[in-house]
């Protein structure tokens, strides 16, 4: 009876509800933490992604990092950055499933943004621009494998006096390089043709990932229909990225190489390059001989990593290589198109820009000379400078000009950017590496 009376009194006074509230609150906290742990550990990603084998390595690596952060920080502070998901791609041509035309899984991304936008802990995530679906048109790439003489090219337009180097340009490498910048009519316009999100800055030695998402928010798919861009993209899957692995070049790949040189030779930057080098006596005035020189300079194989025939200037500078000796690291890989395509495939993990030397020079969506840090196939590239939005013909012309007319360091001006074009030689006639370094 006393127990019954006490129970009635407790109910009347509300005693015991506190315990239940505490229990319920604790249960809610545990449920919230469990949900949070799922987000941080990527379990939701695995359910949605369907366990795609291509992304397992990057996903597991990222999960370990986020799980470690979660253990050392309060969940509220961890929530400042969402876990990264590799973008899933759709390839329209069976031949290029692993290296050709791709499309970001827009439905999946939209669902992710919607889910996060409805979660109060993730309100800030929705601030960044939405991603768009993109394709790389490649159904005509098969034609690039034909004999170069049987292929169709852009009209060979005469540029007249515009491509004649002036006396000042002939005596000043910086002015000549800047003229190439002005002649690059195929370059892209930031905000119109593509959008980047630089994320946050970091020092080279910092290990934290300072980027909420990918570097490229979107790129207009129409630019991949441009003849020089399209032919450039068709070359990127011709290489084994492991340094020291002997390359096997098929006759079809040689056709692609020669056809790419033929296509860019019809543009102003390459025509200017020929006029410049021939006036200096570096190359023949015969344009056919000049094109053969470009093909040999950029595509002829040489040894790297202790193996003959394992590398080329094109592979190293534009495609990138992974060193296997000692601690693995990425070398080369200085092209924005390759970066975009590999990022879209989930192979590149952008980790933020490197702080510039001068204060007040923070990069933004308009910046076309970026110094960044990223991982490629799980291997770190601690610092890499890249010219964003420039055409393939511009970069070929720029690095070729610096190789023949400059030294290891070439301090030049490209539009608004003071740049040092580093140019390393292998012997006297081969490009070991070439890339830009921001001077500020």
Protein backbone atom coordinates (compact mmCIF):
# COMPACT_ATOMS: atom_id res chain seq x y z
CA UNK A 1 0.00 0.00 0.00
CA UNK A 2 2.80 2.41 0.89
CA UNK A 3 4.43 1.69 -2.46
CA UNK A 4 1.19 2.40 -4.29
CA UNK A 5 0.68 5.68 -2.43
CA UNK A 6 4.28 6.73 -3.10
CA UNK A 7 3.84 5.89 -6.79
CA UNK A 8 0.69 8.04 -7.01
CA UNK A 9 2.48 10.92 -5.28
CA UNK A 10 5.44 10.62 -7.65
CA UNK A 11 3.13 10.76 -10.65
CA UNK A 12 1.33 13.78 -9.25
CA UNK A 13 4.59 15.62 -8.55
CA UNK A 14 6.23 14.62 -11.85
CA UNK A 15 9.00 12.67 -10.13
CA UNK A 16 10.57 10.10 -12.45
CA UNK A 17 9.86 12.10 -15.62
CA UNK A 18 13.28 13.65 -15.28
CA UNK A 19 14.83 10.22 -15.31
CA UNK A 20 12.82 9.33 -18.37
CA UNK A 21 13.77 12.63 -20.02
CA UNK A 22 17.40 11.99 -19.25
CA UNK A 23 17.06 8.47 -20.59
CA UNK A 24 15.24 9.68 -23.70
CA UNK A 25 17.69 12.52 -24.15
CA UNK A 26 20.59 10.10 -23.80
CA UNK A 27 18.95 7.78 -26.32
CA UNK A 28 18.45 10.68 -28.72
CA UNK A 29 22.07 11.71 -28.27
CA UNK A 30 23.20 8.18 -28.94
CA UNK A 31 20.95 7.98 -31.99
CA UNK A 32 22.27 11.36 -33.21
CA UNK A 33 25.85 10.25 -32.67
CA UNK A 34 25.13 6.99 -34.44
CA UNK A 35 23.68 8.85 -37.40
CA UNK A 36 26.61 11.24 -37.36
CA UNK A 37 29.08 8.36 -37.22
CA UNK A 38 27.41 6.87 -40.28
CA UNK A 39 27.84 10.14 -42.16
CA UNK A 40 31.45 10.56 -41.07
CA UNK A 41 32.43 6.97 -41.70
CA UNK A 42 30.84 6.94 -45.15
CA UNK A 43 28.43 4.06 -44.47
CA UNK A 44 25.67 5.97 -46.23
CA UNK A 45 27.97 6.45 -49.21
CA UNK A 46 28.51 2.73 -49.50
CA UNK A 47 24.79 2.07 -49.52
CA UNK A 48 24.15 4.69 -52.19
CA UNK A 49 27.22 4.02 -54.31
CA UNK A 50 26.57 0.29 -54.45
CA UNK A 51 30.14 -0.62 -53.53
CA UNK A 52 31.75 0.51 -56.81
CA UNK A 53 35.17 -1.16 -56.84
CA UNK A 54 36.77 1.79 -58.63
CA UNK A 55 36.23 4.01 -55.59
CA UNK A 56 36.89 1.59 -52.73
CA UNK A 57 40.48 2.67 -52.18
CA UNK A 58 39.75 6.39 -52.04
CA UNK A 59 36.61 5.87 -49.98
CA UNK A 60 38.34 3.72 -47.38
CA UNK A 61 41.24 6.14 -47.12
CA UNK A 62 38.88 9.05 -46.66
CA UNK A 63 36.77 7.12 -44.12
CA UNK A 64 39.84 6.45 -41.97
CA UNK A 65 40.76 10.12 -41.99
CA UNK A 66 37.24 11.31 -41.12
CA UNK A 67 36.85 8.62 -38.46
CA UNK A 68 40.10 9.79 -36.85
CA UNK A 69 38.89 13.40 -36.90
CA UNK A 70 35.63 12.38 -35.31
CA UNK A 71 37.40 10.66 -32.41
CA UNK A 72 39.52 13.75 -31.68
CA UNK A 73 36.93 16.47 -32.11
CA UNK A 74 33.40 17.24 -31.01
CA UNK A 75 30.78 16.29 -33.61
CA UNK A 76 29.72 19.94 -33.88
CA UNK A 77 33.16 20.98 -35.17
CA UNK A 78 33.53 17.99 -37.44
CA UNK A 79 30.35 19.00 -39.21
CA UNK A 80 32.08 21.98 -40.83
CA UNK A 81 33.11 19.79 -43.77
CA UNK A 82 31.11 16.96 -45.36
CA UNK A 83 32.71 13.70 -46.38
CA UNK A 84 33.82 13.65 -49.99
CA UNK A 85 32.16 11.35 -52.48
CA UNK A 86 33.80 10.34 -55.71
CA UNK A 87 31.70 11.51 -58.63
CA UNK A 88 30.19 8.60 -60.53
CA UNK A 89 30.41 8.67 -64.28
CA UNK A 90 28.52 7.33 -67.24
CA UNK A 91 30.50 6.41 -70.34
CA UNK A 92 28.58 6.46 -73.63
CA UNK A 93 31.17 4.43 -75.54
CA UNK A 94 32.08 0.94 -74.34
CA UNK A 95 35.61 1.40 -75.70
CA UNK A 96 36.33 4.18 -73.22
CA UNK A 97 34.65 3.01 -70.04
CA UNK A 98 37.80 3.57 -68.01
CA UNK A 99 39.14 6.67 -69.65
CA UNK A 100 36.77 8.46 -71.97
CA UNK A 101 33.47 10.31 -71.92
CA UNK A 102 31.97 10.61 -68.49
CA UNK A 103 28.97 12.02 -66.75
CA UNK A 104 28.58 12.91 -63.08
CA UNK A 105 25.68 11.10 -61.43
CA UNK A 106 23.48 14.17 -61.08
CA UNK A 107 20.54 12.36 -59.48
CA UNK A 108 22.74 11.03 -56.70
CA UNK A 109 24.33 14.44 -56.08
CA UNK A 110 20.93 16.16 -56.00
CA UNK A 111 19.66 13.62 -53.48
CA UNK A 112 22.74 14.23 -51.31
CA UNK A 113 22.29 18.01 -51.42
CA UNK A 114 18.58 17.66 -50.58
CA UNK A 115 19.26 15.34 -47.63
CA UNK A 116 21.99 17.58 -46.26
CA UNK A 117 19.91 20.72 -46.76
CA UNK A 118 17.16 19.26 -44.57
CA UNK A 119 19.62 18.48 -41.77
CA UNK A 120 20.24 21.45 -39.47
CA UNK A 121 23.80 20.29 -38.79
CA UNK A 122 24.59 20.63 -42.51
CA UNK A 123 23.02 23.97 -43.37
CA UNK A 124 26.32 25.55 -44.51
CA UNK A 125 26.95 22.75 -47.01
CA UNK A 126 24.23 24.03 -49.31
CA UNK A 127 26.04 27.36 -49.71
CA UNK A 128 28.38 26.13 -52.43
CA UNK A 129 27.21 26.17 -56.07
CA UNK A 130 25.33 23.06 -57.22
CA UNK A 131 27.23 20.65 -59.44
CA UNK A 132 26.12 20.12 -62.99
CA UNK A 133 26.17 17.03 -65.14
CA UNK A 134 28.82 16.96 -67.85
CA UNK A 135 29.81 14.79 -70.74
CA UNK A 136 33.00 14.55 -72.74
CA UNK A 137 31.92 13.94 -76.36
CA UNK A 138 34.07 11.15 -77.71
CA UNK A 139 32.05 9.15 -80.18
CA UNK A 140 34.24 10.59 -82.95
CA UNK A 141 37.53 9.64 -81.27
CA UNK A 142 37.71 6.44 -83.27
CA UNK A 143 38.33 8.58 -86.33
CA UNK A 144 41.51 9.94 -84.74
CA UNK A 145 43.06 6.48 -84.99
CA UNK A 146 43.00 6.52 -88.77
CA UNK A 147 45.97 7.50 -90.88
CA UNK A 148 46.53 11.26 -90.31
CA UNK A 149 46.25 11.89 -94.05
CA UNK A 150 42.76 10.37 -94.04
CA UNK A 151 41.40 12.53 -91.22
CA UNK A 152 39.51 15.81 -91.38
CA UNK A 153 40.95 18.91 -89.72
CA UNK A 154 39.92 22.48 -89.04
CA UNK A 155 40.41 25.03 -91.77
CA UNK A 156 43.96 26.33 -91.94
CA UNK A 157 43.26 30.00 -91.28
CA UNK A 158 45.80 32.63 -92.25
CA UNK A 159 46.53 34.96 -89.36
CA UNK A 160 48.63 37.42 -91.38
CA UNK A 161 50.88 39.86 -89.57
CA UNK A 162 49.36 38.85 -86.22
CA UNK A 163 51.62 35.82 -86.03
CA UNK A 164 54.80 37.64 -87.09
CA UNK A 165 57.05 38.16 -84.03
CA UNK A 166 58.06 41.77 -83.47
CA UNK A 167 61.63 42.84 -82.83
CA UNK A 168 60.80 43.37 -79.15
CA UNK A 169 59.36 39.88 -78.90
CA UNK A 170 62.36 38.37 -80.64
CA UNK A 171 64.64 40.01 -78.11
CA UNK A 172 62.47 39.43 -75.03
CA UNK A 173 61.19 35.95 -74.16
CA UNK A 174 58.65 37.36 -71.72
CA UNK A 175 57.01 39.48 -74.40
CA UNK A 176 56.97 36.52 -76.78
CA UNK A 177 55.25 34.32 -74.17
CA UNK A 178 52.74 37.06 -73.44
CA UNK A 179 52.01 37.27 -77.17
CA UNK A 180 51.16 33.55 -77.08
CA UNK A 181 48.73 34.33 -74.24
CA UNK A 182 47.07 36.99 -76.42
CA UNK A 183 46.90 34.66 -79.42
CA UNK A 184 45.14 31.90 -77.47
CA UNK A 185 41.69 32.39 -79.00
CA UNK A 186 40.66 28.91 -77.83
CA UNK A 187 41.14 29.69 -74.13
CA UNK A 188 38.13 29.50 -71.82
CA UNK A 189 36.43 32.27 -69.88
CA UNK A 190 36.04 31.73 -66.10
CA UNK A 191 32.38 31.75 -65.08
CA UNK A 192 31.21 31.33 -68.66
CA UNK A 193 32.95 28.13 -69.76
CA UNK A 194 33.78 26.65 -66.36
CA UNK A 195 33.51 27.27 -62.62
CA UNK A 196 36.05 26.41 -59.93
CA UNK A 197 35.83 26.44 -56.14
CA UNK A 198 39.29 26.93 -54.64
CA UNK A 199 38.20 26.02 -51.12
CA UNK A 200 40.56 27.09 -48.36
CA UNK A 201 44.31 27.61 -48.34
CA UNK A 202 47.05 25.66 -46.64
CA UNK A 203 50.80 25.37 -46.27
CA UNK A 204 52.57 22.73 -48.34
CA UNK A 205 53.38 20.63 -45.27
CA UNK A 206 49.84 20.65 -43.86
CA UNK A 207 48.04 17.32 -44.17
CA UNK A 208 44.45 18.47 -43.66
CA UNK A 209 42.09 18.48 -46.62
CA UNK A 210 40.98 22.12 -46.89
CA UNK A 211 38.56 21.68 -49.80
CA UNK A 212 34.87 20.97 -49.19
CA UNK A 213 34.46 19.42 -52.60
CA UNK A 214 36.07 19.23 -55.99
CA UNK A 215 38.06 22.03 -57.61
CA UNK A 216 35.85 22.06 -60.71
CA UNK A 217 32.20 22.76 -60.05
CA UNK A 218 31.35 22.45 -63.73
CA UNK A 219 32.83 22.68 -67.21
CA UNK A 220 30.83 23.41 -70.35
CA UNK A 221 30.74 20.15 -72.29
CA UNK A 222 30.82 22.05 -75.59
CA UNK A 223 34.49 22.91 -75.10
CA UNK A 224 35.33 19.22 -75.55
CA UNK A 225 33.97 19.49 -79.06
CA UNK A 226 36.69 21.98 -79.95
CA UNK A 227 39.04 20.10 -82.29
CA UNK A 228 42.27 20.68 -80.36
CA UNK A 229 40.62 19.89 -77.00
CA UNK A 230 38.97 16.76 -78.34
CA UNK A 231 42.17 15.41 -79.89
CA UNK A 232 44.11 16.25 -76.72
CA UNK A 233 41.65 14.28 -74.59
CA UNK A 234 41.93 11.26 -76.86
CA UNK A 235 45.66 11.06 -76.03
CA UNK A 236 45.30 10.97 -72.26
CA UNK A 237 44.38 7.28 -71.96
CA UNK A 238 47.40 6.08 -73.96
CA UNK A 239 49.76 5.88 -71.00
CA UNK A 240 50.61 3.75 -67.96
CA UNK A 241 50.88 6.25 -65.08
CA UNK A 242 53.38 4.16 -63.13
CA UNK A 243 56.87 5.61 -63.60
CA UNK A 244 59.27 3.00 -64.91
CA UNK A 245 56.61 1.00 -66.69
CA UNK A 246 57.60 0.49 -70.31
CA UNK A 247 55.15 2.10 -72.71
CA UNK A 248 53.80 0.18 -75.69
CA UNK A 249 52.73 2.60 -78.42
CA UNK A 250 50.39 1.17 -81.03
CA UNK A 251 50.17 2.39 -84.61
CA UNK A 252 46.73 3.83 -83.82
CA UNK A 253 48.19 5.84 -80.93
CA UNK A 254 50.89 7.19 -83.23
CA UNK A 255 48.16 8.27 -85.61
CA UNK A 256 46.47 10.11 -82.73
CA UNK A 257 49.73 11.86 -81.88
CA UNK A 258 50.46 12.98 -85.45
CA UNK A 259 46.85 14.09 -85.96
CA UNK A 260 46.92 16.13 -82.76
CA UNK A 261 50.06 17.95 -83.94
CA UNK A 262 48.45 18.52 -87.34
CA UNK A 263 45.36 20.01 -85.68
CA UNK A 264 47.19 22.38 -83.36
CA UNK A 265 49.54 23.41 -86.18
CA UNK A 266 46.55 25.22 -87.72
CA UNK A 267 46.19 27.54 -84.70
CA UNK A 268 47.76 30.94 -84.08
CA UNK A 269 49.97 29.98 -81.08
CA UNK A 270 51.71 27.18 -83.01
CA UNK A 271 52.06 29.26 -86.17
CA UNK A 272 53.64 32.03 -84.07
CA UNK A 273 55.95 29.48 -82.44
CA UNK A 274 57.15 28.34 -85.87
CA UNK A 275 57.74 31.90 -87.07
CA UNK A 276 59.67 32.66 -83.90
CA UNK A 277 61.89 29.57 -83.87
CA UNK A 278 62.55 29.62 -87.61
CA UNK A 279 63.59 33.28 -87.47
CA UNK A 280 66.10 32.28 -84.79
CA UNK A 281 67.39 29.39 -86.93
CA UNK A 282 66.23 26.82 -84.36
CA UNK A 283 63.88 24.96 -86.70
CA UNK A 284 63.40 24.63 -90.43
CA UNK A 285 61.24 27.11 -92.29
CA UNK A 286 59.49 24.11 -93.82
CA UNK A 287 56.28 23.66 -91.85
CA UNK A 288 56.16 19.90 -92.42
CA UNK A 289 59.61 19.50 -90.85
CA UNK A 290 58.52 21.72 -87.96
CA UNK A 291 55.50 19.49 -87.25
CA UNK A 292 57.72 16.42 -87.29
CA UNK A 293 60.00 18.12 -84.76
CA UNK A 294 57.02 18.83 -82.46
CA UNK A 295 55.88 15.22 -82.69
CA UNK A 296 59.32 13.92 -81.75
CA UNK A 297 59.84 16.51 -78.99
CA UNK A 298 56.61 15.72 -77.19
CA UNK A 299 55.92 12.06 -77.96
CA UNK A 300 59.25 10.31 -78.48
CA UNK A 301 59.82 7.87 -75.61
CA UNK A 302 62.78 8.05 -73.27
CA UNK A 303 63.83 6.44 -70.00
CA UNK A 304 62.61 7.45 -66.56
CA UNK A 305 62.59 5.51 -63.33
CA UNK A 306 65.33 3.18 -64.52
CA UNK A 307 63.43 1.83 -67.52
CA UNK A 308 64.01 2.81 -71.14
CA UNK A 309 61.01 3.76 -73.24
CA UNK A 310 58.89 4.39 -70.15
CA UNK A 311 58.11 8.09 -70.43
CA UNK A 312 57.76 11.10 -72.72
CA UNK A 313 57.45 14.84 -72.38
CA UNK A 314 53.71 14.67 -73.10
CA UNK A 315 53.07 11.92 -70.57
CA UNK A 316 55.04 13.59 -67.79
CA UNK A 317 53.87 17.19 -68.23
CA UNK A 318 50.23 16.67 -69.14
CA UNK A 319 49.19 13.19 -67.98
CA UNK A 320 51.35 12.72 -64.88
CA UNK A 321 53.33 9.83 -63.45
CA UNK A 322 53.52 8.05 -60.09
CA UNK A 323 56.97 7.41 -58.69
CA UNK A 324 57.33 3.93 -57.22
CA UNK A 325 60.83 4.22 -55.79
CA UNK A 326 60.94 5.16 -52.10
CA UNK A 327 57.82 6.96 -50.89
CA UNK A 328 55.25 7.08 -53.66
CA UNK A 329 54.58 10.54 -55.07
CA UNK A 330 53.05 12.15 -58.13
CA UNK A 331 55.38 13.84 -60.60
CA UNK A 332 54.39 15.99 -63.55
CA UNK A 333 50.59 16.30 -64.03
CA UNK A 334 50.34 20.02 -64.75
CA UNK A 335 47.35 20.15 -67.07
CA UNK A 336 43.91 21.39 -66.02
CA UNK A 337 41.99 19.22 -68.53
CA UNK A 338 43.58 16.05 -67.17
CA UNK A 339 42.84 17.30 -63.65
CA UNK A 340 39.17 17.88 -64.47
CA UNK A 341 38.71 14.50 -66.13
CA UNK A 342 40.49 12.57 -63.38
CA UNK A 343 38.59 14.48 -60.71
CA UNK A 344 35.32 13.62 -62.44
CA UNK A 345 36.31 9.94 -62.35
CA UNK A 346 37.00 10.13 -58.60
CA UNK A 347 40.73 9.54 -59.03
CA UNK A 348 41.78 13.06 -58.00
CA UNK A 349 41.09 14.33 -54.48
CA UNK A 350 41.56 18.11 -54.46
CA UNK A 351 42.78 19.25 -51.04
CA UNK A 352 43.02 23.04 -51.31
CA UNK A 353 45.23 25.76 -52.71
CA UNK A 354 48.69 26.60 -51.41
CA UNK A 355 48.95 30.01 -49.77
CA UNK A 356 50.60 32.53 -52.14
CA UNK A 357 53.84 34.17 -51.11
CA UNK A 358 52.29 37.63 -51.05
CA UNK A 359 49.41 38.56 -48.83
CA UNK A 360 46.24 39.68 -50.53
CA UNK A 361 46.75 37.38 -53.54
CA UNK A 362 44.16 34.81 -52.49
CA UNK A 363 42.85 32.86 -55.53
CA UNK A 364 39.18 32.88 -56.42
CA UNK A 365 36.91 31.52 -59.13
CA UNK A 366 38.44 33.93 -61.68
CA UNK A 367 42.06 32.93 -61.04
CA UNK A 368 43.76 31.09 -63.93
CA UNK A 369 47.13 30.38 -62.33
CA UNK A 370 46.64 28.09 -59.36
CA UNK A 371 49.04 26.42 -56.95
CA UNK A 372 47.23 23.47 -55.41
CA UNK A 373 47.62 20.23 -53.49
CA UNK A 374 45.87 17.01 -54.41
CA UNK A 375 46.01 13.23 -54.35
CA UNK A 376 45.91 11.16 -57.52
CA UNK A 377 44.97 7.51 -57.12
CA UNK A 378 45.67 7.92 -53.42
CA UNK A 379 49.19 9.33 -53.97
CA UNK A 380 50.02 12.87 -52.85
CA UNK A 381 51.09 15.76 -55.05
CA UNK A 382 52.08 18.19 -52.29
CA UNK A 383 52.38 21.24 -54.54
CA UNK A 384 51.46 21.72 -58.18
CA UNK A 385 50.94 24.83 -60.29
CA UNK A 386 48.50 24.76 -63.18
CA UNK A 387 47.24 27.21 -65.80
CA UNK A 388 43.45 26.84 -65.84
CA UNK A 389 41.35 27.34 -68.95
CA UNK A 390 44.20 27.66 -71.45
CA UNK A 391 44.11 25.64 -74.66
CA UNK A 392 46.30 22.61 -75.41
CA UNK A 393 47.99 24.45 -78.28
CA UNK A 394 48.91 27.34 -75.98
CA UNK A 395 50.67 25.09 -73.47
CA UNK A 396 52.50 23.16 -76.19
CA UNK A 397 53.67 26.46 -77.72
CA UNK A 398 54.61 28.02 -74.37
CA UNK A 399 56.71 25.14 -73.08
CA UNK A 400 58.33 24.52 -76.47
CA UNK A 401 59.32 28.17 -76.77
CA UNK A 402 60.81 28.21 -73.26
CA UNK A 403 62.63 24.94 -73.93
CA UNK A 404 64.39 26.27 -77.02
CA UNK A 405 64.82 29.93 -76.09
CA UNK A 406 65.10 29.94 -72.30
CA UNK A 407 66.81 28.19 -69.42
CA UNK A 408 65.72 26.24 -66.39
CA UNK A 409 64.02 29.36 -64.96
CA UNK A 410 62.08 31.63 -67.28
CA UNK A 411 60.58 34.66 -65.55
CA UNK A 412 57.83 35.90 -67.82
CA UNK A 413 54.48 37.67 -67.85
CA UNK A 414 51.29 35.93 -68.97
CA UNK A 415 48.49 38.48 -69.05
CA UNK A 416 48.06 39.59 -65.40
CA UNK A 417 50.27 36.81 -64.01
CA UNK A 418 54.01 37.01 -63.31
CA UNK A 419 55.18 33.42 -63.84
CA UNK A 420 58.35 31.37 -63.72
CA UNK A 421 58.21 28.65 -66.34
CA UNK A 422 60.43 25.88 -65.04
CA UNK A 423 61.93 23.83 -67.84
CA UNK A 424 64.05 20.77 -67.09
CA UNK A 425 66.03 19.06 -69.83
CA UNK A 426 67.00 15.48 -70.44
CA UNK A 427 70.18 15.83 -72.45
CA UNK A 428 70.04 18.62 -75.00
CA UNK A 429 67.02 17.64 -77.02
CA UNK A 430 64.35 16.33 -74.62
CA UNK A 431 61.89 17.99 -72.24
CA UNK A 432 62.16 16.33 -68.85
CA UNK A 433 59.49 18.54 -67.33
CA UNK A 434 57.90 21.96 -67.85
CA UNK A 435 55.42 23.76 -65.64
CA UNK A 436 54.45 27.21 -64.32
CA UNK A 437 55.28 28.58 -60.87
CA UNK A 438 53.36 31.60 -59.60
CA UNK A 439 55.77 34.44 -58.78
CA UNK A 440 53.52 35.98 -56.16
